[in-house]
Amino acid sequence: DVLELQAHGGPVVLQLLLLRCLQAASELEPLSGLARLPGLRVAQPG
């Protein structure tokens, strides 16, 4: 699954979106079928 969010290109805006993705993964952890989401992390190069 791939999710792309295209926002305005300000560094602060993009960092806020990045943090929101991590927060959402944490909130969804207890839900059924989403046990893999807590592994969400910042990607390595490539």
All heavy atoms as atom14 arrays in JSON, in Angstrom:
{
  "sequence": "DVLELQAHGGPVVLQLLLLRCLQAASELEPLSGLARLPGLRVAQPG",
  "atom14_mask": [
    [1, 1, 1, 1, 1, 1, 1, 1, 0, 0, 0, 0, 0, 0],
    [1, 1, 1, 1, 1, 1, 1, 0, 0, 0, 0, 0, 0, 0],
    [1, 1, 1, 1, 1, 1, 1, 1, 0, 0, 0, 0, 0, 0],
    [1, 1, 1, 1, 1, 1, 1, 1, 1, 0, 0, 0, 0, 0],
    [1, 1, 1, 1, 1, 1, 1, 1, 0, 0, 0, 0, 0, 0],
    [1, 1, 1, 1, 1, 1, 1, 1, 1, 0, 0, 0, 0, 0],
    [1, 1, 1, 1, 1, 0, 0, 0, 0, 0, 0, 0, 0, 0],
    [1, 1, 1, 1, 1, 1, 1, 1, 1, 1, 0, 0, 0, 0],
    [1, 1, 1, 1, 0, 0, 0, 0, 0, 0, 0, 0, 0, 0],
    [1, 1, 1, 1, 0, 0, 0, 0, 0, 0, 0, 0, 0, 0],
    [1, 1, 1, 1, 1, 1, 1, 0, 0, 0, 0, 0, 0, 0],
    [1, 1, 1, 1, 1, 1, 1, 0, 0, 0, 0, 0, 0, 0],
    [1, 1, 1, 1, 1, 1, 1, 0, 0, 0, 0, 0, 0, 0],
    [1, 1, 1, 1, 1, 1, 1, 1, 0, 0, 0, 0, 0, 0],
    [1, 1, 1, 1, 1, 1, 1, 1, 1, 0, 0, 0, 0, 0],
    [1, 1, 1, 1, 1, 1, 1, 1, 0, 0, 0, 0, 0, 0],
    [1, 1, 1, 1, 1, 1, 1, 1, 0, 0, 0, 0, 0, 0],
    [1, 1, 1, 1, 1, 1, 1, 1, 0, 0, 0, 0, 0, 0],
    [1, 1, 1, 1, 1, 1, 1, 1, 0, 0, 0, 0, 0, 0],
    [1, 1, 1, 1, 1, 1, 1, 1, 1, 1, 1, 0, 0, 0],
    [1, 1, 1, 1, 1, 1, 0, 0, 0, 0, 0, 0, 0, 0],
    [1, 1, 1, 1, 1, 1, 1, 1, 0, 0, 0, 0, 0, 0],
    [1, 1, 1, 1, 1, 1, 1, 1, 1, 0, 0, 0, 0, 0],
    [1, 1, 1, 1, 1, 0, 0, 0, 0, 0, 0, 0, 0, 0],
    [1, 1, 1, 1, 1, 0, 0, 0, 0, 0, 0, 0, 0, 0],
    [1, 1, 1, 1, 1, 1, 0, 0, 0, 0, 0, 0, 0, 0],
    [1, 1, 1, 1, 1, 1, 1, 1, 1, 0, 0, 0, 0, 0],
    [1, 1, 1, 1, 1, 1, 1, 1, 0, 0, 0, 0, 0, 0],
    [1, 1, 1, 1, 1, 1, 1, 1, 1, 0, 0, 0, 0, 0],
    [1, 1, 1, 1, 1, 1, 1, 0, 0, 0, 0, 0, 0, 0],
    [1, 1, 1, 1, 1, 1, 1, 1, 0, 0, 0, 0, 0, 0],
    [1, 1, 1, 1, 1, 1, 0, 0, 0, 0, 0, 0, 0, 0],
    [1, 1, 1, 1, 0, 0, 0, 0, 0, 0, 0, 0, 0, 0],
    [1, 1, 1, 1, 1, 1, 1, 1, 0, 0, 0, 0, 0, 0],
    [1, 1, 1, 1, 1, 0, 0, 0, 0, 0, 0, 0, 0, 0],
    [1, 1, 1, 1, 1, 1, 1, 1, 1, 1, 1, 0, 0, 0],
    [1, 1, 1, 1, 1, 1, 1, 1, 0, 0, 0, 0, 0, 0],
    [1, 1, 1, 1, 1, 1, 1, 0, 0, 0, 0, 0, 0, 0],
    [1, 1, 1, 1, 0, 0, 0, 0, 0, 0, 0, 0, 0, 0],
    [1, 1, 1, 1, 1, 1, 1, 1, 0, 0, 0, 0, 0, 0],
    [1, 1, 1, 1, 1, 1, 1, 1, 1, 1, 1, 0, 0, 0],
    [1, 1, 1, 1, 1, 1, 1, 0, 0, 0, 0, 0, 0, 0],
    [1, 1, 1, 1, 1, 0, 0, 0, 0, 0, 0, 0, 0, 0],
    [1, 1, 1, 1, 1, 1, 1, 1, 1, 0, 0, 0, 0, 0],
    [1, 1, 1, 1, 1, 1, 1, 0, 0, 0, 0, 0, 0, 0],
    [1, 1, 1, 1, 0, 0, 0, 0, 0, 0, 0, 0, 0, 0]
  ],
  "atom14_positions": [
    [[0.85, -1.18, 0.0], [0.0, 0.0, 0.0], [0.9, 1.24, 0.0], [1.89, 1.31, 0.74], [-0.88, 0.03, 1.25], [-2.02, -0.98, 1.18], [-2.09, -1.72, 0.19], [-2.82, -1.02, 2.12], [0.0, 0.0, 0.0], [0.0, 0.0, 0.0], [0.0, 0.0, 0.0], [0.0, 0.0, 0.0], [0.0, 0.0, 0.0], [0.0, 0.0, 0.0]],
    [[0.55, 2.22, -0.81], [1.31, 3.47, -0.86], [0.35, 4.65, -0.72], [-0.68, 4.7, -1.39], [2.1, 3.61, -2.18], [2.72, 5.0, -2.3], [3.18, 2.54, -2.27], [0.0, 0.0, 0.0], [0.0, 0.0, 0.0], [0.0, 0.0, 0.0], [0.0, 0.0, 0.0], [0.0, 0.0, 0.0], [0.0, 0.0, 0.0], [0.0, 0.0, 0.0]],
    [[0.69, 5.56, 0.18], [-0.07, 6.79, 0.38], [0.85, 7.97, 0.1], [1.95, 8.05, 0.66], [-0.6, 6.87, 1.82], [-1.32, 8.16, 2.21], [-2.61, 8.33, 1.41], [-1.62, 8.19, 3.71], [0.0, 0.0, 0.0], [0.0, 0.0, 0.0], [0.0, 0.0, 0.0], [0.0, 0.0, 0.0], [0.0, 0.0, 0.0], [0.0, 0.0, 0.0]],
    [[0.4, 8.87, -0.79], [1.18, 10.07, -1.1], [0.35, 11.3, -0.77], [-0.8, 11.42, -1.2], [1.59, 10.1, -2.58], [2.74, 9.18, -2.9], [3.39, 9.5, -4.24], [2.92, 10.45, -4.91], [4.34, 8.79, -4.62], [0.0, 0.0, 0.0], [0.0, 0.0, 0.0], [0.0, 0.0, 0.0], [0.0, 0.0, 0.0], [0.0, 0.0, 0.0]],
    [[0.95, 12.19, 0.01], [0.32, 13.45, 0.37], [1.11, 14.58, -0.29], [2.29, 14.77, 0.0], [0.31, 13.62, 1.89], [-0.3, 12.47, 2.7], [-0.15, 12.74, 4.19], [-1.76, 12.27, 2.33], [0.0, 0.0, 0.0], [0.0, 0.0, 0.0], [0.0, 0.0, 0.0], [0.0, 0.0, 0.0], [0.0, 0.0, 0.0], [0.0, 0.0, 0.0]],
    [[0.45, 15.29, -1.2], [1.1, 16.38, -1.92], [0.61, 17.7, -1.34], [-0.54, 18.09, -1.52], [0.78, 16.3, -3.41], [1.25, 15.0, -4.05], [0.97, 14.95, -5.53], [0.61, 15.95, -6.15], [1.13, 13.77, -6.13], [0.0, 0.0, 0.0], [0.0, 0.0, 0.0], [0.0, 0.0, 0.0], [0.0, 0.0, 0.0], [0.0, 0.0, 0.0]],
    [[1.51, 18.35, -0.6], [1.16, 19.58, 0.11], [2.02, 20.73, -0.41], [2.81, 20.57, -1.35], [1.38, 19.38, 1.61], [0.0, 0.0, 0.0], [0.0, 0.0, 0.0], [0.0, 0.0, 0.0], [0.0, 0.0, 0.0], [0.0, 0.0, 0.0], [0.0, 0.0, 0.0], [0.0, 0.0, 0.0], [0.0, 0.0, 0.0], [0.0, 0.0, 0.0]],
    [[1.87, 21.9, 0.22], [2.77, 23.0, -0.1], [4.17, 22.65, 0.4], [4.34, 21.99, 1.42], [2.27, 24.3, 0.55], [0.98, 24.78, -0.04], [-0.24, 24.46, 0.49], [0.73, 25.54, -1.13], [-1.22, 25.01, -0.24], [-0.64, 25.68, -1.24], [0.0, 0.0, 0.0], [0.0, 0.0, 0.0], [0.0, 0.0, 0.0], [0.0, 0.0, 0.0]],
    [[5.18, 23.11, -0.35], [6.53, 22.63, -0.12], [7.32, 23.35, 0.94], [8.52, 23.58, 0.76], [0.0, 0.0, 0.0], [0.0, 0.0, 0.0], [0.0, 0.0, 0.0], [0.0, 0.0, 0.0], [0.0, 0.0, 0.0], [0.0, 0.0, 0.0], [0.0, 0.0, 0.0], [0.0, 0.0, 0.0], [0.0, 0.0, 0.0], [0.0, 0.0, 0.0]],
    [[6.7, 23.72, 2.04], [7.44, 24.31, 3.15], [7.98, 23.22, 4.07], [7.27, 22.27, 4.38], [0.0, 0.0, 0.0], [0.0, 0.0, 0.0], [0.0, 0.0, 0.0], [0.0, 0.0, 0.0], [0.0, 0.0, 0.0], [0.0, 0.0, 0.0], [0.0, 0.0, 0.0], [0.0, 0.0, 0.0], [0.0, 0.0, 0.0], [0.0, 0.0, 0.0]],
    [[9.22, 23.32, 4.52], [9.8, 22.28, 5.38], [8.98, 22.01, 6.64], [8.84, 20.86, 7.05], [11.18, 22.84, 5.72], [11.5, 23.8, 4.61], [10.18, 24.39, 4.21], [0.0, 0.0, 0.0], [0.0, 0.0, 0.0], [0.0, 0.0, 0.0], [0.0, 0.0, 0.0], [0.0, 0.0, 0.0], [0.0, 0.0, 0.0], [0.0, 0.0, 0.0]],
    [[8.43, 23.06, 7.26], [7.66, 22.87, 8.49], [6.39, 22.1, 8.21], [6.02, 21.17, 8.95], [7.35, 24.24, 9.14], [6.43, 24.04, 10.35], [8.63, 24.94, 9.56], [0.0, 0.0, 0.0], [0.0, 0.0, 0.0], [0.0, 0.0, 0.0], [0.0, 0.0, 0.0], [0.0, 0.0, 0.0], [0.0, 0.0, 0.0], [0.0, 0.0, 0.0]],
    [[5.69, 22.45, 7.13], [4.46, 21.75, 6.76], [4.73, 20.27, 6.55], [3.99, 19.4, 7.05], [3.85, 22.36, 5.48], [2.68, 21.52, 4.99], [3.41, 23.8, 5.74], [0.0, 0.0, 0.0], [0.0, 0.0, 0.0], [0.0, 0.0, 0.0], [0.0, 0.0, 0.0], [0.0, 0.0, 0.0], [0.0, 0.0, 0.0], [0.0, 0.0, 0.0]],
    [[5.79, 19.95, 5.83], [6.09, 18.54, 5.55], [6.5, 17.79, 6.81], [6.13, 16.61, 6.98], [7.21, 18.47, 4.5], [6.86, 19.07, 3.12], [8.05, 18.98, 2.19], [5.65, 18.38, 2.51], [0.0, 0.0, 0.0], [0.0, 0.0, 0.0], [0.0, 0.0, 0.0], [0.0, 0.0, 0.0], [0.0, 0.0, 0.0], [0.0, 0.0, 0.0]],
    [[7.2, 18.44, 7.7], [7.56, 17.79, 8.96], [6.32, 17.52, 9.8], [6.2, 16.47, 10.45], [8.56, 18.65, 9.74], [9.97, 18.66, 9.16], [10.64, 17.3, 9.22], [10.33, 16.48, 10.08], [11.56, 17.07, 8.29], [0.0, 0.0, 0.0], [0.0, 0.0, 0.0], [0.0, 0.0, 0.0], [0.0, 0.0, 0.0], [0.0, 0.0, 0.0]],
    [[5.36, 18.47, 9.79], [4.11, 18.25, 10.52], [3.34, 17.06, 9.96], [2.77, 16.26, 10.71], [3.25, 19.52, 10.46], [3.73, 20.71, 11.31], [2.88, 21.94, 11.02], [3.68, 20.36, 12.8], [0.0, 0.0, 0.0], [0.0, 0.0, 0.0], [0.0, 0.0, 0.0], [0.0, 0.0, 0.0], [0.0, 0.0, 0.0], [0.0, 0.0, 0.0]],
    [[3.32, 16.93, 8.64], [2.65, 15.79, 8.03], [3.35, 14.48, 8.38], [2.71, 13.46, 8.63], [2.59, 15.96, 6.51], [1.6, 16.98, 5.97], [1.74, 17.11, 4.45], [0.16, 16.57, 6.33], [0.0, 0.0, 0.0], [0.0, 0.0, 0.0], [0.0, 0.0, 0.0], [0.0, 0.0, 0.0], [0.0, 0.0, 0.0], [0.0, 0.0, 0.0]],
    [[4.67, 14.52, 8.41], [5.44, 13.33, 8.76], [5.13, 12.9, 10.19], [4.88, 11.71, 10.47], [6.93, 13.64, 8.6], [7.88, 12.52, 8.19], [7.48, 11.95, 6.85], [9.32, 13.05, 8.12], [0.0, 0.0, 0.0], [0.0, 0.0, 0.0], [0.0, 0.0, 0.0], [0.0, 0.0, 0.0], [0.0, 0.0, 0.0], [0.0, 0.0, 0.0]],
    [[5.09, 13.86, 11.11], [4.77, 13.56, 12.51], [3.35, 13.06, 12.65], [3.06, 12.17, 13.46], [4.99, 14.81, 13.37], [6.44, 15.25, 13.55], [6.5, 16.58, 14.29], [7.24, 14.2, 14.32], [0.0, 0.0, 0.0], [0.0, 0.0, 0.0], [0.0, 0.0, 0.0], [0.0, 0.0, 0.0], [0.0, 0.0, 0.0], [0.0, 0.0, 0.0]],
    [[2.44, 13.61, 11.85], [1.05, 13.18, 11.91], [0.9, 11.72, 11.46], [0.11, 10.96, 12.03], [0.18, 14.08, 11.04], [-1.28, 13.66, 10.95], [-1.95, 13.66, 12.3], [-3.34, 13.21, 12.22], [-3.89, 12.33, 13.05], [-3.17, 11.79, 14.04], [-5.15, 11.97, 12.91], [0.0, 0.0, 0.0], [0.0, 0.0, 0.0], [0.0, 0.0, 0.0]],
    [[1.67, 11.33, 10.46], [1.64, 9.93, 10.02], [2.1, 9.0, 11.13], [1.48, 7.95, 11.37], [2.53, 9.75, 8.79], [1.89, 10.51, 7.28], [0.0, 0.0, 0.0], [0.0, 0.0, 0.0], [0.0, 0.0, 0.0], [0.0, 0.0, 0.0], [0.0, 0.0, 0.0], [0.0, 0.0, 0.0], [0.0, 0.0, 0.0], [0.0, 0.0, 0.0]],
    [[3.17, 9.36, 11.83], [3.65, 8.55, 12.94], [2.62, 8.48, 14.06], [2.38, 7.42, 14.66], [4.97, 9.13, 13.47], [6.2, 8.93, 12.6], [7.37, 9.76, 13.12], [6.59, 7.46, 12.55], [0.0, 0.0, 0.0], [0.0, 0.0, 0.0], [0.0, 0.0, 0.0], [0.0, 0.0, 0.0], [0.0, 0.0, 0.0], [0.0, 0.0, 0.0]],
    [[1.99, 9.63, 14.33], [0.97, 9.68, 15.38], [-0.23, 8.82, 15.02], [-0.77, 8.09, 15.85], [0.55, 11.13, 15.61], [-0.38, 11.33, 16.81], [-0.76, 12.78, 16.98], [-0.9, 13.51, 16.0], [-0.94, 13.21, 18.22], [0.0, 0.0, 0.0], [0.0, 0.0, 0.0], [0.0, 0.0, 0.0], [0.0, 0.0, 0.0], [0.0, 0.0, 0.0]],
    [[-0.66, 8.89, 13.77], [-1.81, 8.09, 13.32], [-1.52, 6.61, 13.45], [-2.38, 5.81, 13.85], [-2.17, 8.45, 11.88], [0.0, 0.0, 0.0], [0.0, 0.0, 0.0], [0.0, 0.0, 0.0], [0.0, 0.0, 0.0], [0.0, 0.0, 0.0], [0.0, 0.0, 0.0], [0.0, 0.0, 0.0], [0.0, 0.0, 0.0], [0.0, 0.0, 0.0]],
    [[-0.28, 6.19, 13.11], [0.08, 4.79, 13.24], [0.0, 4.34, 14.69], [-0.47, 3.24, 14.98], [1.5, 4.57, 12.7], [0.0, 0.0, 0.0], [0.0, 0.0, 0.0], [0.0, 0.0, 0.0], [0.0, 0.0, 0.0], [0.0, 0.0, 0.0], [0.0, 0.0, 0.0], [0.0, 0.0, 0.0], [0.0, 0.0, 0.0], [0.0, 0.0, 0.0]],
    [[0.42, 5.21, 15.6], [0.36, 4.87, 17.02], [-1.08, 4.76, 17.5], [-1.44, 3.88, 18.29], [1.12, 5.93, 17.83], [1.01, 5.68, 19.21], [0.0, 0.0, 0.0], [0.0, 0.0, 0.0], [0.0, 0.0, 0.0], [0.0, 0.0, 0.0], [0.0, 0.0, 0.0], [0.0, 0.0, 0.0], [0.0, 0.0, 0.0], [0.0, 0.0, 0.0]],
    [[-1.94, 5.67, 17.02], [-3.36, 5.66, 17.43], [-4.07, 4.41, 16.93], [-4.96, 3.88, 17.6], [-4.07, 6.89, 16.88], [-3.6, 8.21, 17.49], [-4.16, 9.41, 16.76], [-4.78, 9.2, 15.68], [-3.96, 10.53, 17.23], [0.0, 0.0, 0.0], [0.0, 0.0, 0.0], [0.0, 0.0, 0.0], [0.0, 0.0, 0.0], [0.0, 0.0, 0.0]],
    [[-3.67, 3.91, 15.77], [-4.35, 2.78, 15.16], [-3.82, 1.45, 15.64], [-4.37, 0.4, 15.3], [-4.2, 2.86, 13.64], [-4.91, 4.03, 12.96], [-4.46, 4.17, 11.52], [-6.42, 3.86, 13.03], [0.0, 0.0, 0.0], [0.0, 0.0, 0.0], [0.0, 0.0, 0.0], [0.0, 0.0, 0.0], [0.0, 0.0, 0.0], [0.0, 0.0, 0.0]],
    [[-2.78, 1.44, 16.45], [-2.14, 0.2, 16.89], [-3.11, -0.78, 17.55], [-3.08, -1.97, 17.24], [-0.98, 0.52, 17.85], [-0.29, -0.72, 18.39], [0.86, -0.36, 19.32], [1.16, 0.84, 19.46], [1.45, -1.28, 19.89], [0.0, 0.0, 0.0], [0.0, 0.0, 0.0], [0.0, 0.0, 0.0], [0.0, 0.0, 0.0], [0.0, 0.0, 0.0]],
    [[-3.99, -0.34, 18.47], [-4.84, -1.32, 19.13], [-5.93, -1.9, 18.22], [-6.56, -2.89, 18.58], [-5.49, -0.51, 20.27], [-4.68, 0.75, 20.37], [-4.2, 1.01, 18.98], [0.0, 0.0, 0.0], [0.0, 0.0, 0.0], [0.0, 0.0, 0.0], [0.0, 0.0, 0.0], [0.0, 0.0, 0.0], [0.0, 0.0, 0.0], [0.0, 0.0, 0.0]],
    [[-6.17, -1.29, 17.06], [-7.28, -1.74, 16.23], [-6.98, -3.06, 15.56], [-5.84, -3.37, 15.21], [-7.59, -0.67, 15.16], [-7.99, 0.7, 15.71], [-8.29, 1.64, 14.55], [-9.2, 0.59, 16.63], [0.0, 0.0, 0.0], [0.0, 0.0, 0.0], [0.0, 0.0, 0.0], [0.0, 0.0, 0.0], [0.0, 0.0, 0.0], [0.0, 0.0, 0.0]],
    [[-7.99, -3.84, 15.36], [-7.86, -5.16, 14.76], [-7.31, -5.07, 13.34], [-7.71, -4.23, 12.55], [-9.23, -5.85, 14.71], [-9.15, -7.07, 14.02], [0.0, 0.0, 0.0], [0.0, 0.0, 0.0], [0.0, 0.0, 0.0], [0.0, 0.0, 0.0], [0.0, 0.0, 0.0], [0.0, 0.0, 0.0], [0.0, 0.0, 0.0], [0.0, 0.0, 0.0]],
    [[-6.36, -5.98, 13.04], [-5.83, -6.07, 11.69], [-4.78, -5.04, 11.36], [-4.3, -5.0, 10.23], [0.0, 0.0, 0.0], [0.0, 0.0, 0.0], [0.0, 0.0, 0.0], [0.0, 0.0, 0.0], [0.0, 0.0, 0.0], [0.0, 0.0, 0.0], [0.0, 0.0, 0.0], [0.0, 0.0, 0.0], [0.0, 0.0, 0.0], [0.0, 0.0, 0.0]],
    [[-4.39, -4.21, 12.32], [-3.43, -3.14, 12.03], [-2.15, -3.31, 12.85], [-1.48, -2.35, 13.18], [-4.05, -1.77, 12.28], [-5.27, -1.43, 11.43], [-5.84, -0.09, 11.85], [-4.88, -1.38, 9.96], [0.0, 0.0, 0.0], [0.0, 0.0, 0.0], [0.0, 0.0, 0.0], [0.0, 0.0, 0.0], [0.0, 0.0, 0.0], [0.0, 0.0, 0.0]],
    [[-1.86, -4.55, 13.19], [-0.71, -4.79, 14.07], [0.62, -4.4, 13.42], [1.6, -4.18, 14.11], [-0.66, -6.26, 14.47], [0.0, 0.0, 0.0], [0.0, 0.0, 0.0], [0.0, 0.0, 0.0], [0.0, 0.0, 0.0], [0.0, 0.0, 0.0], [0.0, 0.0, 0.0], [0.0, 0.0, 0.0], [0.0, 0.0, 0.0], [0.0, 0.0, 0.0]],
    [[0.63, -4.3, 12.11], [1.89, -3.99, 11.45], [2.19, -2.49, 11.41], [3.29, -2.08, 11.13], [1.87, -4.52, 10.01], [1.82, -6.04, 9.91], [1.94, -6.49, 8.46], [1.86, -7.93, 8.32], [0.73, -8.6, 8.17], [-0.41, -7.95, 8.11], [0.73, -9.91, 8.06], [0.0, 0.0, 0.0], [0.0, 0.0, 0.0], [0.0, 0.0, 0.0]],
    [[1.19, -1.66, 11.65], [1.4, -0.22, 11.55], [2.4, 0.36, 12.54], [3.07, 1.32, 12.22], [0.06, 0.52, 11.7], [-0.75, 0.66, 10.41], [-2.06, 1.36, 10.7], [0.02, 1.42, 9.36], [0.0, 0.0, 0.0], [0.0, 0.0, 0.0], [0.0, 0.0, 0.0], [0.0, 0.0, 0.0], [0.0, 0.0, 0.0], [0.0, 0.0, 0.0]],
    [[2.52, -0.18, 13.78], [3.51, 0.4, 14.69], [4.94, 0.35, 14.15], [5.81, 1.04, 14.64], [3.38, -0.47, 15.95], [1.98, -0.96, 15.91], [1.68, -1.17, 14.45], [0.0, 0.0, 0.0], [0.0, 0.0, 0.0], [0.0, 0.0, 0.0], [0.0, 0.0, 0.0], [0.0, 0.0, 0.0], [0.0, 0.0, 0.0], [0.0, 0.0, 0.0]],
    [[5.19, -0.46, 13.11], [6.52, -0.5, 12.52], [6.81, 0.69, 11.63], [7.89, 0.76, 11.05], [0.0, 0.0, 0.0], [0.0, 0.0, 0.0], [0.0, 0.0, 0.0], [0.0, 0.0, 0.0], [0.0, 0.0, 0.0], [0.0, 0.0, 0.0], [0.0, 0.0, 0.0], [0.0, 0.0, 0.0], [0.0, 0.0, 0.0], [0.0, 0.0, 0.0]],
    [[5.85, 1.6, 11.49], [6.05, 2.76, 10.63], [7.23, 3.58, 11.14], [7.34, 3.89, 12.32], [4.79, 3.62, 10.62], [4.76, 4.77, 9.62], [4.7, 4.22, 8.2], [3.57, 5.68, 9.87], [0.0, 0.0, 0.0], [0.0, 0.0, 0.0], [0.0, 0.0, 0.0], [0.0, 0.0, 0.0], [0.0, 0.0, 0.0], [0.0, 0.0, 0.0]],
    [[8.13, 3.93, 10.23], [9.34, 4.68, 10.58], [9.8, 5.46, 9.36], [9.28, 5.27, 8.26], [10.45, 3.73, 11.04], [10.76, 2.68, 10.0], [11.97, 1.83, 10.36], [12.15, 0.74, 9.43], [12.65, 0.86, 8.21], [13.05, 2.05, 7.77], [12.79, -0.2, 7.43], [0.0, 0.0, 0.0], [0.0, 0.0, 0.0], [0.0, 0.0, 0.0]],
    [[10.77, 6.34, 9.58], [11.34, 7.11, 8.48], [12.16, 6.17, 7.61], [12.93, 5.34, 8.11], [12.2, 8.26, 9.01], [12.9, 8.98, 7.87], [11.35, 9.23, 9.82], [0.0, 0.0, 0.0], [0.0, 0.0, 0.0], [0.0, 0.0, 0.0], [0.0, 0.0, 0.0], [0.0, 0.0, 0.0], [0.0, 0.0, 0.0], [0.0, 0.0, 0.0]],
    [[12.0, 6.28, 6.31], [12.66, 5.38, 5.37], [14.16, 5.63, 5.3], [14.64, 6.75, 5.52], [12.05, 5.53, 3.98], [0.0, 0.0, 0.0], [0.0, 0.0, 0.0], [0.0, 0.0, 0.0], [0.0, 0.0, 0.0], [0.0, 0.0, 0.0], [0.0, 0.0, 0.0], [0.0, 0.0, 0.0], [0.0, 0.0, 0.0], [0.0, 0.0, 0.0]],
    [[14.9, 4.58, 4.98], [16.32, 4.67, 4.71], [16.53, 5.13, 3.26], [15.61, 5.04, 2.44], [17.0, 3.32, 4.93], [16.91, 2.81, 6.35], [17.65, 3.7, 7.32], [18.77, 4.13, 7.06], [17.03, 3.98, 8.46], [0.0, 0.0, 0.0], [0.0, 0.0, 0.0], [0.0, 0.0, 0.0], [0.0, 0.0, 0.0], [0.0, 0.0, 0.0]],
    [[17.73, 5.61, 2.9], [17.97, 5.99, 1.5], [17.66, 4.84, 0.53], [18.14, 3.72, 0.73], [19.46, 6.34, 1.48], [19.76, 6.76, 2.89], [18.89, 5.9, 3.76], [0.0, 0.0, 0.0], [0.0, 0.0, 0.0], [0.0, 0.0, 0.0], [0.0, 0.0, 0.0], [0.0, 0.0, 0.0], [0.0, 0.0, 0.0], [0.0, 0.0, 0.0]],
    [[16.84, 5.14, -0.46], [16.53, 4.15, -1.48], [15.58, 3.05, -1.06], [15.36, 2.1, -1.82], [0.0, 0.0, 0.0], [0.0, 0.0, 0.0], [0.0, 0.0, 0.0], [0.0, 0.0, 0.0], [0.0, 0.0, 0.0], [0.0, 0.0, 0.0], [0.0, 0.0, 0.0], [0.0, 0.0, 0.0], [0.0, 0.0, 0.0], [0.0, 0.0, 0.0]]
  ]
}
